[in-house]
């Protein structure tokens, strides 16, 4: 190993917040129930206009539609 391979990589932390005016894709109730607004999720994924929420909408649709696969961490 070279010296540079042993040094930790710098990580930049970015906090993403959603304003009250933004679209809410889901709501978690006090009892743990998750309510999903599928119409909003589908509209957001189709429009691709909100780069902060687009990946979340795409993941939600992939899980719902059974198009997800587990990551192979052995690579």
N, C-alpha and C. Protein backbone atom coordinates (compact mmCIF):
# COMPACT_ATOMS: atom_id res chain seq x y z
N UNK A 1 0.82 -1.18 0.00
CA UNK A 1 0.00 0.00 0.00
C UNK A 1 0.87 1.25 0.00
N UNK A 2 0.43 2.22 -0.72
CA UNK A 2 1.15 3.48 -0.72
C UNK A 2 0.67 4.34 0.44
N UNK A 3 1.42 5.35 0.74
CA UNK A 3 1.06 6.23 1.85
C UNK A 3 -0.29 6.90 1.60
N UNK A 4 -0.57 7.27 0.35
CA UNK A 4 -1.84 7.95 0.06
C UNK A 4 -3.03 7.01 0.21
N UNK A 5 -2.84 5.72 -0.01
CA UNK A 5 -3.94 4.76 0.12
C UNK A 5 -4.32 4.55 1.58
N UNK A 6 -3.39 4.84 2.50
CA UNK A 6 -3.66 4.64 3.92
C UNK A 6 -4.32 5.85 4.56
N UNK A 7 -4.23 7.01 3.92
CA UNK A 7 -4.80 8.22 4.49
C UNK A 7 -6.32 8.20 4.33
N UNK A 8 -7.03 8.65 5.35
CA UNK A 8 -8.49 8.70 5.23
C UNK A 8 -8.92 9.73 4.18
N UNK A 9 -9.99 9.42 3.49
CA UNK A 9 -10.51 10.34 2.49
C UNK A 9 -11.33 11.42 3.18
N UNK A 10 -11.26 12.62 2.66
CA UNK A 10 -12.05 13.72 3.20
C UNK A 10 -13.51 13.51 2.84
N UNK A 11 -14.38 13.74 3.79
CA UNK A 11 -15.82 13.60 3.57
C UNK A 11 -16.47 14.94 3.83
N UNK A 12 -17.28 15.37 2.88
CA UNK A 12 -18.02 16.61 3.04
C UNK A 12 -19.45 16.26 3.44
N UNK A 13 -19.88 16.78 4.56
CA UNK A 13 -21.24 16.52 5.03
C UNK A 13 -22.15 17.63 4.53
N UNK A 14 -23.26 17.22 3.95
CA UNK A 14 -24.24 18.17 3.45
C UNK A 14 -25.57 17.87 4.11
N UNK A 15 -26.16 18.84 4.76
CA UNK A 15 -27.45 18.66 5.40
C UNK A 15 -28.52 19.13 4.43
N UNK A 16 -29.43 18.23 4.11
CA UNK A 16 -30.51 18.57 3.20
C UNK A 16 -31.78 18.70 4.02
N UNK A 17 -32.42 19.84 3.91
CA UNK A 17 -33.68 20.04 4.62
C UNK A 17 -34.77 20.34 3.61
N UNK A 18 -35.97 20.01 3.99
CA UNK A 18 -37.11 20.24 3.12
C UNK A 18 -37.94 21.34 3.74
N UNK A 19 -38.19 22.40 2.98
CA UNK A 19 -39.00 23.49 3.51
C UNK A 19 -40.46 23.06 3.59
N UNK A 20 -41.23 23.78 4.35
CA UNK A 20 -42.65 23.45 4.49
C UNK A 20 -43.40 23.61 3.18
N UNK A 21 -42.86 24.38 2.26
CA UNK A 21 -43.52 24.60 0.98
C UNK A 21 -43.26 23.47 -0.02
N UNK A 22 -42.28 22.62 0.27
CA UNK A 22 -41.95 21.52 -0.64
C UNK A 22 -42.98 20.40 -0.52
N UNK A 23 -42.93 19.53 -1.46
CA UNK A 23 -43.84 18.40 -1.50
C UNK A 23 -43.46 17.37 -0.44
N UNK A 24 -44.45 16.86 0.25
CA UNK A 24 -44.23 15.78 1.20
C UNK A 24 -44.62 14.48 0.51
N UNK A 25 -43.66 13.57 0.37
CA UNK A 25 -43.92 12.31 -0.29
C UNK A 25 -44.51 11.28 0.67
N UNK A 26 -44.21 11.42 1.96
CA UNK A 26 -44.71 10.47 2.94
C UNK A 26 -44.82 11.14 4.30
N UNK A 27 -45.55 10.46 5.19
CA UNK A 27 -45.70 10.94 6.55
C UNK A 27 -45.59 9.73 7.47
N UNK A 28 -44.82 9.85 8.55
CA UNK A 28 -44.69 8.77 9.52
C UNK A 28 -45.54 9.14 10.73
N UNK A 29 -46.50 8.29 11.03
CA UNK A 29 -47.39 8.52 12.17
C UNK A 29 -46.69 8.10 13.47
N UNK A 30 -47.23 8.51 14.60
CA UNK A 30 -46.64 8.19 15.90
C UNK A 30 -46.54 6.69 16.16
N UNK A 31 -47.46 5.90 15.57
CA UNK A 31 -47.43 4.46 15.79
C UNK A 31 -46.50 3.73 14.81
N UNK A 32 -45.78 4.50 13.98
CA UNK A 32 -44.84 3.92 13.03
C UNK A 32 -45.41 3.67 11.66
N UNK A 33 -46.72 3.88 11.48
CA UNK A 33 -47.35 3.72 10.18
C UNK A 33 -46.82 4.78 9.22
N UNK A 34 -46.48 4.34 8.00
CA UNK A 34 -45.99 5.27 6.99
C UNK A 34 -47.08 5.45 5.93
N UNK A 35 -47.51 6.69 5.75
CA UNK A 35 -48.49 7.02 4.73
C UNK A 35 -47.75 7.61 3.54
N UNK A 36 -47.91 7.00 2.36
CA UNK A 36 -47.19 7.45 1.16
C UNK A 36 -48.18 8.05 0.17
N UNK A 37 -47.86 9.22 -0.33
CA UNK A 37 -48.68 9.87 -1.35
C UNK A 37 -48.16 9.41 -2.71
N UNK A 38 -48.69 8.28 -3.20
CA UNK A 38 -48.18 7.68 -4.43
C UNK A 38 -48.39 8.58 -5.63
N UNK A 39 -49.47 9.33 -5.66
CA UNK A 39 -49.70 10.26 -6.78
C UNK A 39 -48.57 11.29 -6.85
N UNK A 40 -48.18 11.80 -5.68
CA UNK A 40 -47.11 12.81 -5.62
C UNK A 40 -45.77 12.19 -5.98
N UNK A 41 -45.51 10.97 -5.49
CA UNK A 41 -44.26 10.26 -5.79
C UNK A 41 -44.15 10.05 -7.31
N UNK A 42 -45.21 9.56 -7.91
CA UNK A 42 -45.20 9.31 -9.36
C UNK A 42 -45.03 10.60 -10.16
N UNK A 43 -45.72 11.66 -9.76
CA UNK A 43 -45.61 12.94 -10.46
C UNK A 43 -44.20 13.50 -10.36
N UNK A 44 -43.61 13.42 -9.18
CA UNK A 44 -42.25 13.94 -8.98
C UNK A 44 -41.24 13.15 -9.80
N UNK A 45 -41.37 11.82 -9.80
CA UNK A 45 -40.44 10.98 -10.56
C UNK A 45 -40.57 11.25 -12.05
N UNK A 46 -41.77 11.48 -12.53
CA UNK A 46 -41.98 11.74 -13.95
C UNK A 46 -41.47 13.12 -14.37
N UNK A 47 -41.65 14.10 -13.50
CA UNK A 47 -41.26 15.47 -13.85
C UNK A 47 -39.76 15.71 -13.74
N UNK A 48 -39.12 15.01 -12.79
CA UNK A 48 -37.67 15.16 -12.55
C UNK A 48 -37.28 16.60 -12.25
N UNK A 49 -38.20 17.38 -11.66
CA UNK A 49 -37.95 18.79 -11.44
C UNK A 49 -37.34 19.12 -10.08
N UNK A 50 -37.38 18.20 -9.14
CA UNK A 50 -36.82 18.47 -7.82
C UNK A 50 -35.63 17.54 -7.60
N UNK A 51 -34.41 18.03 -7.83
CA UNK A 51 -33.23 17.16 -7.73
C UNK A 51 -32.96 16.64 -6.31
N UNK A 52 -33.52 17.27 -5.29
CA UNK A 52 -33.32 16.78 -3.93
C UNK A 52 -34.24 15.61 -3.61
N UNK A 53 -35.46 15.65 -4.10
CA UNK A 53 -36.42 14.59 -3.79
C UNK A 53 -36.52 13.52 -4.88
N UNK A 54 -35.99 13.78 -6.06
CA UNK A 54 -36.09 12.83 -7.17
C UNK A 54 -35.52 11.46 -6.82
N UNK A 55 -34.31 11.36 -6.26
CA UNK A 55 -33.78 10.03 -5.92
C UNK A 55 -34.67 9.28 -4.93
N UNK A 56 -35.23 10.00 -3.97
CA UNK A 56 -36.11 9.38 -2.98
C UNK A 56 -37.36 8.83 -3.68
N UNK A 57 -37.94 9.60 -4.57
CA UNK A 57 -39.13 9.15 -5.30
C UNK A 57 -38.81 7.93 -6.16
N UNK A 58 -37.65 7.95 -6.81
CA UNK A 58 -37.26 6.82 -7.66
C UNK A 58 -37.07 5.54 -6.85
N UNK A 59 -36.47 5.67 -5.67
CA UNK A 59 -36.27 4.51 -4.80
C UNK A 59 -37.61 3.98 -4.31
N UNK A 60 -38.50 4.87 -3.92
CA UNK A 60 -39.82 4.46 -3.44
C UNK A 60 -40.56 3.68 -4.52
N UNK A 61 -40.50 4.16 -5.77
CA UNK A 61 -41.17 3.48 -6.87
C UNK A 61 -40.52 2.13 -7.17
N UNK A 62 -39.20 2.07 -7.10
CA UNK A 62 -38.50 0.82 -7.36
C UNK A 62 -38.87 -0.24 -6.33
N UNK A 63 -38.97 0.15 -5.08
CA UNK A 63 -39.36 -0.79 -4.03
C UNK A 63 -40.81 -1.23 -4.24
N UNK A 64 -41.69 -0.28 -4.50
CA UNK A 64 -43.10 -0.61 -4.71
C UNK A 64 -43.29 -1.56 -5.89
N UNK A 65 -42.54 -1.30 -6.97
CA UNK A 65 -42.71 -2.06 -8.21
C UNK A 65 -41.84 -3.32 -8.27
N UNK A 66 -41.08 -3.59 -7.20
CA UNK A 66 -40.25 -4.80 -7.16
C UNK A 66 -39.06 -4.75 -8.10
N UNK A 67 -38.56 -3.57 -8.42
CA UNK A 67 -37.44 -3.42 -9.36
C UNK A 67 -36.12 -3.14 -8.65
N UNK A 68 -36.03 -3.42 -7.36
CA UNK A 68 -34.81 -3.17 -6.62
C UNK A 68 -34.05 -4.49 -6.44
N UNK A 69 -32.76 -4.36 -6.20
CA UNK A 69 -31.92 -5.52 -5.93
C UNK A 69 -31.00 -5.17 -4.78
N UNK A 70 -30.70 -6.16 -3.97
CA UNK A 70 -29.78 -5.94 -2.85
C UNK A 70 -28.39 -5.66 -3.39
N UNK A 71 -27.64 -4.80 -2.69
CA UNK A 71 -26.27 -4.48 -3.07
C UNK A 71 -25.37 -5.66 -2.71
N UNK A 72 -24.40 -5.92 -3.57
CA UNK A 72 -23.42 -6.97 -3.30
C UNK A 72 -22.18 -6.30 -2.74
N UNK A 73 -22.01 -6.37 -1.44
CA UNK A 73 -20.87 -5.71 -0.78
C UNK A 73 -19.59 -6.52 -0.87
N UNK A 74 -19.64 -7.69 -1.48
CA UNK A 74 -18.46 -8.54 -1.59
C UNK A 74 -17.55 -8.12 -2.73
N UNK A 75 -17.97 -7.18 -3.53
CA UNK A 75 -17.14 -6.74 -4.68
C UNK A 75 -15.88 -6.08 -4.24
